PDB file of N, CA and C in Angstrom:
ATOM      1  N   MET A   1      76.153 -20.020  29.563  1.00  0.00           N
ATOM      2  CA  MET A   1      74.789 -20.750  28.808  1.00  0.00           C
ATOM      3  C   MET A   1      73.792 -20.312  29.424  1.00  0.00           C
ATOM      4  N   CYS A   2      72.930 -20.134  28.699  1.00  0.00           N
ATOM      5  CA  CYS A   2      71.492 -19.617  29.215  1.00  0.00           C
ATOM      6  C   CYS A   2      70.531 -20.838  28.720  1.00  0.00           C
ATOM      7  N   ILE A   3      69.685 -21.138  29.642  1.00  0.00           N
ATOM      8  CA  ILE A   3      68.550 -22.280  29.589  1.00  0.00           C
ATOM      9  C   ILE A   3      67.126 -21.824  29.589  1.00  0.00           C
ATOM     10  N   ALA A   4      66.341 -21.920  28.635  1.00  0.00           N
ATOM     11  CA  ALA A   4      64.950 -21.457  28.767  1.00  0.00           C
ATOM     12  C   ALA A   4      63.970 -22.663  28.782  1.00  0.00           C
ATOM     13  N   VAL A   5      63.129 -22.776  29.630  1.00  0.00           N
ATOM     14  CA  VAL A   5      62.112 -23.722  30.048  1.00  0.00           C
ATOM     15  C   VAL A   5      60.978 -23.706  29.729  1.00  0.00           C
ATOM     16  N   PRO A   6      60.433 -25.082  28.983  1.00  0.00           N
ATOM     17  CA  PRO A   6      59.186 -24.943  28.115  1.00  0.00           C
ATOM     18  C   PRO A   6      57.776 -24.709  29.691  1.00  0.00           C
ATOM     19  N   ALA A   7      57.060 -24.084  29.333  1.00  0.00           N
ATOM     20  CA  ALA A   7      55.836 -24.025  30.215  1.00  0.00           C
ATOM     21  C   ALA A   7      54.444 -23.789  29.317  1.00  0.00           C
ATOM     22  N   GLU A   8      53.513 -24.370  29.744  1.00  0.00           N
ATOM     23  CA  GLU A   8      51.978 -24.066  29.040  1.00  0.00           C
ATOM     24  C   GLU A   8      51.443 -23.116  29.807  1.00  0.00           C
ATOM     25  N   VAL A   9      50.811 -22.032  29.214  1.00  0.00           N
ATOM     26  CA  VAL A   9      50.221 -20.798  29.605  1.00  0.00           C
ATOM     27  C   VAL A   9      48.908 -21.433  30.379  1.00  0.00           C
ATOM     28  N   LEU A  10      48.679 -21.173  31.512  1.00  0.00           N
ATOM     29  CA  LEU A  10      47.307 -21.538  32.132  1.00  0.00           C
ATOM     30  C   LEU A  10      46.487 -20.387  32.170  1.00  0.00           C
ATOM     31  N   GLU A  11      46.906 -19.026  32.399  1.00  0.00           N
ATOM     32  CA  GLU A  11      46.250 -17.683  32.695  1.00  0.00           C
ATOM     33  C   GLU A  11      47.090 -16.679  32.321  1.00  0.00           C
ATOM     34  N   ILE A  12      46.326 -15.584  31.750  1.00  0.00           N
ATOM     35  CA  ILE A  12      47.043 -14.173  31.366  1.00  0.00           C
ATOM     36  C   ILE A  12      45.925 -13.376  32.292  1.00  0.00           C
ATOM     37  N   LYS A  13      46.749 -12.780  32.949  1.00  0.00           N
ATOM     38  CA  LYS A  13      46.232 -11.597  34.025  1.00  0.00           C
ATOM     39  C   LYS A  13      46.784 -10.238  33.385  1.00  0.00           C
ATOM     40  N   ASP A  14      45.913  -9.314  34.080  1.00  0.00           N
ATOM     41  CA  ASP A  14      46.277  -7.760  33.901  1.00  0.00           C
ATOM     42  C   ASP A  14      47.706  -7.431  33.595  1.00  0.00           C
ATOM     43  N   GLY A  15      48.192  -6.687  33.002  1.00  0.00           N
ATOM     44  CA  GLY A  15      49.577  -6.195  32.860  1.00  0.00           C
ATOM     45  C   GLY A  15      50.470  -7.231  32.106  1.00  0.00           C
ATOM     46  N   ASN A  16      49.944  -8.075  31.321  1.00  0.00           N
ATOM     47  CA  ASN A  16      50.974  -9.104  30.743  1.00  0.00           C
ATOM     48  C   ASN A  16      51.504  -9.857  31.704  1.00  0.00           C
ATOM     49  N   ILE A  17      50.968 -10.160  32.588  1.00  0.00           N
ATOM     50  CA  ILE A  17      51.345 -11.469  33.437  1.00  0.00           C
ATOM     51  C   ILE A  17      50.825 -12.615  33.372  1.00  0.00           C
ATOM     52  N   GLY A  18      51.638 -13.812  33.013  1.00  0.00           N
ATOM     53  CA  GLY A  18      50.936 -14.873  32.726  1.00  0.00           C
ATOM     54  C   GLY A  18      51.091 -16.015  34.069  1.00  0.00           C
ATOM     55  N   VAL A  19      50.171 -17.007  33.947  1.00  0.00           N
ATOM     56  CA  VAL A  19      50.831 -18.040  34.932  1.00  0.00           C
ATOM     57  C   VAL A  19      50.664 -18.992  34.371  1.00  0.00           C
ATOM     58  N   VAL A  20      52.125 -19.847  34.462  1.00  0.00           N
ATOM     59  CA  VAL A  20      52.417 -21.108  33.530  1.00  0.00           C
ATOM     60  C   VAL A  20      52.689 -22.164  34.455  1.00  0.00           C
ATOM     61  N   ASP A  21      52.851 -23.337  33.871  1.00  0.00           N
ATOM     62  CA  ASP A  21      52.873 -24.630  34.345  1.00  0.00           C
ATOM     63  C   ASP A  21      53.909 -25.237  33.821  1.00  0.00           C
ATOM     64  N   TYR A  22      54.884 -25.506  34.660  1.00  0.00           N
ATOM     65  CA  TYR A  22      56.397 -26.443  34.131  1.00  0.00           C
ATOM     66  C   TYR A  22      56.192 -27.896  34.188  1.00  0.00           C
ATOM     67  N   GLY A  23      55.136 -28.349  34.613  1.00  0.00           N
ATOM     68  CA  GLY A  23      54.701 -29.713  34.994  1.00  0.00           C
ATOM     69  C   GLY A  23      54.712 -30.140  36.363  1.00  0.00           C
ATOM     70  N   ASP A  24      55.552 -29.394  37.207  1.00  0.00           N
ATOM     71  CA  ASP A  24      55.505 -29.873  38.548  1.00  0.00           C
ATOM     72  C   ASP A  24      55.532 -28.437  39.296  1.00  0.00           C
ATOM     73  N   LEU A  25      55.458 -27.338  38.565  1.00  0.00           N
ATOM     74  CA  LEU A  25      55.471 -26.126  39.293  1.00  0.00           C
ATOM     75  C   LEU A  25      54.434 -24.890  38.607  1.00  0.00           C
ATOM     76  N   GLN A  26      53.977 -24.041  38.948  1.00  0.00           N
ATOM     77  CA  GLN A  26      53.335 -22.926  38.554  1.00  0.00           C
ATOM     78  C   GLN A  26      53.721 -21.921  38.920  1.00  0.00           C
ATOM     79  N   GLN A  27      54.062 -20.607  38.060  1.00  0.00           N
ATOM     80  CA  GLN A  27      54.614 -19.454  38.204  1.00  0.00           C
ATOM     81  C   GLN A  27      54.183 -18.380  37.502  1.00  0.00           C
ATOM     82  N   GLU A  28      54.303 -17.189  37.857  1.00  0.00           N
ATOM     83  CA  GLU A  28      53.811 -15.836  37.207  1.00  0.00           C
ATOM     84  C   GLU A  28      55.147 -15.703  36.293  1.00  0.00           C
ATOM     85  N   VAL A  29      55.177 -15.135  35.006  1.00  0.00           N
ATOM     86  CA  VAL A  29      55.929 -14.917  34.156  1.00  0.00           C
ATOM     87  C   VAL A  29      55.578 -13.510  33.568  1.00  0.00           C
ATOM     88  N   ARG A  30      56.503 -12.762  32.845  1.00  0.00           N
ATOM     89  CA  ARG A  30      56.146 -11.771  32.003  1.00  0.00           C
ATOM     90  C   ARG A  30      55.898 -12.378  30.697  1.00  0.00           C
ATOM     91  N   MET A  31      54.760 -11.814  29.878  1.00  0.00           N
ATOM     92  CA  MET A  31      54.371 -12.101  28.774  1.00  0.00           C
ATOM     93  C   MET A  31      54.488 -11.188  27.544  1.00  0.00           C
ATOM     94  N   ASP A  32      55.253  -9.833  28.001  1.00  0.00           N
ATOM     95  CA  ASP A  32      55.610  -8.922  27.083  1.00  0.00           C
ATOM     96  C   ASP A  32      56.146  -9.206  25.699  1.00  0.00           C
ATOM     97  N   LEU A  33      56.985 -10.174  25.478  1.00  0.00           N
ATOM     98  CA  LEU A  33      57.915 -10.609  24.376  1.00  0.00           C
ATOM     99  C   LEU A  33      57.046 -11.613  23.178  1.00  0.00           C
ATOM    100  N   VAL A  34      55.944 -12.097  23.849  1.00  0.00           N
ATOM    101  CA  VAL A  34      55.173 -13.004  22.893  1.00  0.00           C
ATOM    102  C   VAL A  34      53.858 -12.703  22.828  1.00  0.00           C
ATOM    103  N   ASP A  35      52.787 -13.329  21.879  1.00  0.00           N
ATOM    104  CA  ASP A  35      51.485 -13.391  21.939  1.00  0.00           C
ATOM    105  C   ASP A  35      51.151 -14.543  22.280  1.00  0.00           C
ATOM    106  N   ALA A  36      51.179 -15.168  23.086  1.00  0.00           N
ATOM    107  CA  ALA A  36      50.496 -16.486  23.307  1.00  0.00           C
ATOM    108  C   ALA A  36      48.910 -16.634  24.159  1.00  0.00           C
ATOM    109  N   LYS A  37      48.460 -17.427  23.830  1.00  0.00           N
ATOM    110  CA  LYS A  37      47.176 -17.722  24.685  1.00  0.00           C
ATOM    111  C   LYS A  37      47.300 -18.753  25.762  1.00  0.00           C
ATOM    112  N   ILE A  38      46.104 -18.938  26.142  1.00  0.00           N
ATOM    113  CA  ILE A  38      45.725 -19.923  27.372  1.00  0.00           C
ATOM    114  C   ILE A  38      45.780 -21.433  26.485  1.00  0.00           C
ATOM    115  N   GLY A  39      46.717 -22.148  26.987  1.00  0.00           N
ATOM    116  CA  GLY A  39      47.072 -23.562  26.457  1.00  0.00           C
ATOM    117  C   GLY A  39      48.016 -23.601  25.710  1.00  0.00           C
ATOM    118  N   GLU A  40      48.767 -22.663  24.929  1.00  0.00           N
ATOM    119  CA  GLU A  40      49.799 -22.925  24.352  1.00  0.00           C
ATOM    120  C   GLU A  40      50.968 -22.926  25.141  1.00  0.00           C
ATOM    121  N   PHE A  41      52.220 -23.177  24.741  1.00  0.00           N
ATOM    122  CA  PHE A  41      53.477 -23.757  25.046  1.00  0.00           C
ATOM    123  C   PHE A  41      54.501 -21.978  24.859  1.00  0.00           C
ATOM    124  N   VAL A  42      55.267 -21.990  25.988  1.00  0.00           N
ATOM    125  CA  VAL A  42      56.227 -20.920  25.705  1.00  0.00           C
ATOM    126  C   VAL A  42      57.609 -21.302  26.609  1.00  0.00           C
ATOM    127  N   LEU A  43      58.646 -20.637  25.804  1.00  0.00           N
ATOM    128  CA  LEU A  43      59.888 -21.102  26.494  1.00  0.00           C
ATOM    129  C   LEU A  43      60.222 -19.680  27.462  1.00  0.00           C
ATOM    130  N   VAL A  44      60.318 -20.213  28.934  1.00  0.00           N
ATOM    131  CA  VAL A  44      60.545 -19.185  29.611  1.00  0.00           C
ATOM    132  C   VAL A  44      61.965 -18.879  30.220  1.00  0.00           C
ATOM    133  N   HIS A  45      62.412 -17.843  30.136  1.00  0.00           N
ATOM    134  CA  HIS A  45      63.952 -17.584  30.803  1.00  0.00           C
ATOM    135  C   HIS A  45      63.793 -16.451  31.558  1.00  0.00           C
ATOM    136  N   VAL A  46      64.563 -16.544  32.875  1.00  0.00           N
ATOM    137  CA  VAL A  46      64.448 -15.528  33.870  1.00  0.00           C
ATOM    138  C   VAL A  46      63.278 -14.793  34.010  1.00  0.00           C
ATOM    139  N   GLY A  47      62.210 -15.431  34.153  1.00  0.00           N
ATOM    140  CA  GLY A  47      60.823 -14.915  34.448  1.00  0.00           C
ATOM    141  C   GLY A  47      59.944 -14.485  33.379  1.00  0.00           C
ATOM    142  N   PHE A  48      60.741 -14.194  31.793  1.00  0.00           N
ATOM    143  CA  PHE A  48      59.981 -14.034  30.711  1.00  0.00           C
ATOM    144  C   PHE A  48      59.635 -14.898  29.715  1.00  0.00           C
ATOM    145  N   ALA A  49      58.454 -14.947  29.210  1.00  0.00           N
ATOM    146  CA  ALA A  49      58.277 -15.947  28.211  1.00  0.00           C
ATOM    147  C   ALA A  49      59.043 -15.013  26.991  1.00  0.00           C
ATOM    148  N   ILE A  50      59.793 -16.053  26.231  1.00  0.00           N
ATOM    149  CA  ILE A  50      60.666 -15.467  25.255  1.00  0.00           C
ATOM    150  C   ILE A  50      60.076 -15.814  23.850  1.00  0.00           C
ATOM    151  N   GLN A  51      59.430 -17.097  23.633  1.00  0.00           N
ATOM    152  CA  GLN A  51      59.310 -17.692  22.306  1.00  0.00           C
ATOM    153  C   GLN A  51      58.166 -18.408  22.439  1.00  0.00           C
ATOM    154  N   LYS A  52      57.103 -18.828  21.426  1.00  0.00           N
ATOM    155  CA  LYS A  52      56.050 -19.651  21.768  1.00  0.00           C
ATOM    156  C   LYS A  52      56.652 -20.928  21.017  1.00  0.00           C
ATOM    157  N   LEU A  53      56.333 -22.375  21.436  1.00  0.00           N
ATOM    158  CA  LEU A  53      56.451 -23.371  21.050  1.00  0.00           C
ATOM    159  C   LEU A  53      55.369 -24.088  20.485  1.00  0.00           C
ATOM    160  N   SER A  54      54.972 -25.079  19.676  1.00  0.00           N
ATOM    161  CA  SER A  54      54.084 -25.804  19.437  1.00  0.00           C
ATOM    162  C   SER A  54      53.906 -27.064  20.760  1.00  0.00           C
ATOM    163  N   ARG A  55      52.495 -27.413  20.621  1.00  0.00           N
ATOM    164  CA  ARG A  55      52.427 -28.499  21.947  1.00  0.00           C
ATOM    165  C   ARG A  55      53.186 -29.542  21.957  1.00  0.00           C
ATOM    166  N   GLU A  56      53.384 -29.845  20.832  1.00  0.00           N
ATOM    167  CA  GLU A  56      54.025 -30.949  20.614  1.00  0.00           C
ATOM    168  C   GLU A  56      55.764 -30.827  21.078  1.00  0.00           C
ATOM    169  N   GLU A  57      56.258 -29.724  20.857  1.00  0.00           N
ATOM    170  CA  GLU A  57      57.536 -29.230  21.037  1.00  0.00           C
ATOM    171  C   GLU A  57      57.762 -28.965  22.644  1.00  0.00           C
ATOM    172  N   GLY A  58      56.667 -28.571  23.075  1.00  0.00           N
ATOM    173  CA  GLY A  58      56.772 -27.892  24.352  1.00  0.00           C
ATOM    174  C   GLY A  58      56.820 -29.357  25.286  1.00  0.00           C
ATOM    175  N   LEU A  59      55.841 -30.182  24.892  1.00  0.00           N
ATOM    176  CA  LEU A  59      55.613 -31.679  25.901  1.00  0.00           C
ATOM    177  C   LEU A  59      56.879 -32.494  25.629  1.00  0.00           C
ATOM    178  N   GLU A  60      57.478 -32.440  24.143  1.00  0.00           N
ATOM    179  CA  GLU A  60      58.906 -33.256  24.077  1.00  0.00           C
ATOM    180  C   GLU A  60      59.775 -32.667  24.904  1.00  0.00           C
ATOM    181  N   THR A  61      60.206 -31.533  25.002  1.00  0.00           N
ATOM    182  CA  THR A  61      61.229 -30.785  25.711  1.00  0.00           C
ATOM    183  C   THR A  61      61.081 -31.081  27.140  1.00  0.00           C
ATOM    184  N   ARG A  62      59.862 -30.936  27.610  1.00  0.00           N
ATOM    185  CA  ARG A  62      59.395 -30.945  28.939  1.00  0.00           C
ATOM    186  C   ARG A  62      59.879 -32.391  29.430  1.00  0.00           C
ATOM    187  N   GLU A  63      59.661 -33.490  28.474  1.00  0.00           N
ATOM    188  CA  GLU A  63      59.987 -34.874  28.977  1.00  0.00           C
ATOM    189  C   GLU A  63      61.425 -34.951  28.845  1.00  0.00           C
ATOM    190  N   LEU A  64      62.245 -34.197  28.026  1.00  0.00           N
ATOM    191  CA  LEU A  64      63.746 -34.588  27.948  1.00  0.00           C
ATOM    192  C   LEU A  64      64.313 -33.883  29.179  1.00  0.00           C
ATOM    193  N   PHE A  65      63.825 -32.649  29.848  1.00  0.00           N
ATOM    194  CA  PHE A  65      64.202 -32.146  31.049  1.00  0.00           C
ATOM    195  C   PHE A  65      63.762 -33.174  32.240  1.00  0.00           C
ATOM    196  N   LYS A  66      63.014 -33.902  32.546  1.00  0.00           N
ATOM    197  CA  LYS A  66      62.494 -34.717  33.498  1.00  0.00           C
ATOM    198  C   LYS A  66      63.431 -35.993  33.311  1.00  0.00           C
ATOM    199  N   GLN A  67      63.867 -36.346  32.065  1.00  0.00           N
ATOM    200  CA  GLN A  67      64.949 -37.534  31.943  1.00  0.00           C
ATOM    201  C   GLN A  67      66.005 -36.865  32.378  1.00  0.00           C
ATOM    202  N   VAL A  68      66.481 -35.787  32.288  1.00  0.00           N
ATOM    203  CA  VAL A  68      67.859 -35.470  32.553  1.00  0.00           C
ATOM    204  C   VAL A  68      67.906 -35.149  34.038  1.00  0.00           C
ATOM    205  N   TYR A  69      66.851 -34.526  34.579  1.00  0.00           N
ATOM    206  CA  TYR A  69      66.903 -34.563  36.050  1.00  0.00           C
ATOM    207  C   TYR A  69      66.796 -35.882  36.768  1.00  0.00           C
ATOM    208  N   ALA A  70      66.063 -37.003  36.192  1.00  0.00           N
ATOM    209  CA  ALA A  70      65.861 -38.345  36.776  1.00  0.00           C
ATOM    210  C   ALA A  70      67.537 -38.683  36.602  1.00  0.00           C
ATOM    211  N   ALA A  71      68.227 -38.627  35.967  1.00  0.00           N
ATOM    212  CA  ALA A  71      69.571 -39.153  35.440  1.00  0.00           C
ATOM    213  C   ALA A  71      70.686 -38.412  36.247  1.00  0.00           C
ATOM    214  N   MET A  72      70.290 -37.060  36.828  1.00  0.00           N
ATOM    215  CA  MET A  72      71.131 -36.471  37.676  1.00  0.00           C
ATOM    216  C   MET A  72      70.713 -36.945  39.146  1.00  0.00           C
ATOM    217  N   GLU A  73      69.993 -37.687  39.495  1.00  0.00           N
ATOM    218  CA  GLU A  73      69.497 -38.030  40.884  1.00  0.00           C
ATOM    219  C   GLU A  73      70.019 -39.430  41.051  1.00  0.00           C
ATOM    220  N   GLU A  74      70.357 -40.163  39.926  1.00  0.00           N
ATOM    221  CA  GLU A  74      70.856 -41.245  40.135  1.00  0.00           C
ATOM    222  C   GLU A  74      72.361 -41.463  40.693  1.00  0.00           C
TER     223      GLU A  74
END
């Protein structure tokens, strides 16, 4: 099973490298597969942005991930 994580695009560098924010972590990812702009949400899988999301979907999915992680820590 593969999981893609929602992230907000903060910056786009030369060579289709984007800096994304997962909420608690920022990371560089490849942006070759999507045409996303700063401020938009993408799904990231193994270092590649693979799909754009609406801001609402991105924030909602991020919140669900937080709830799952919190439940796992209990």
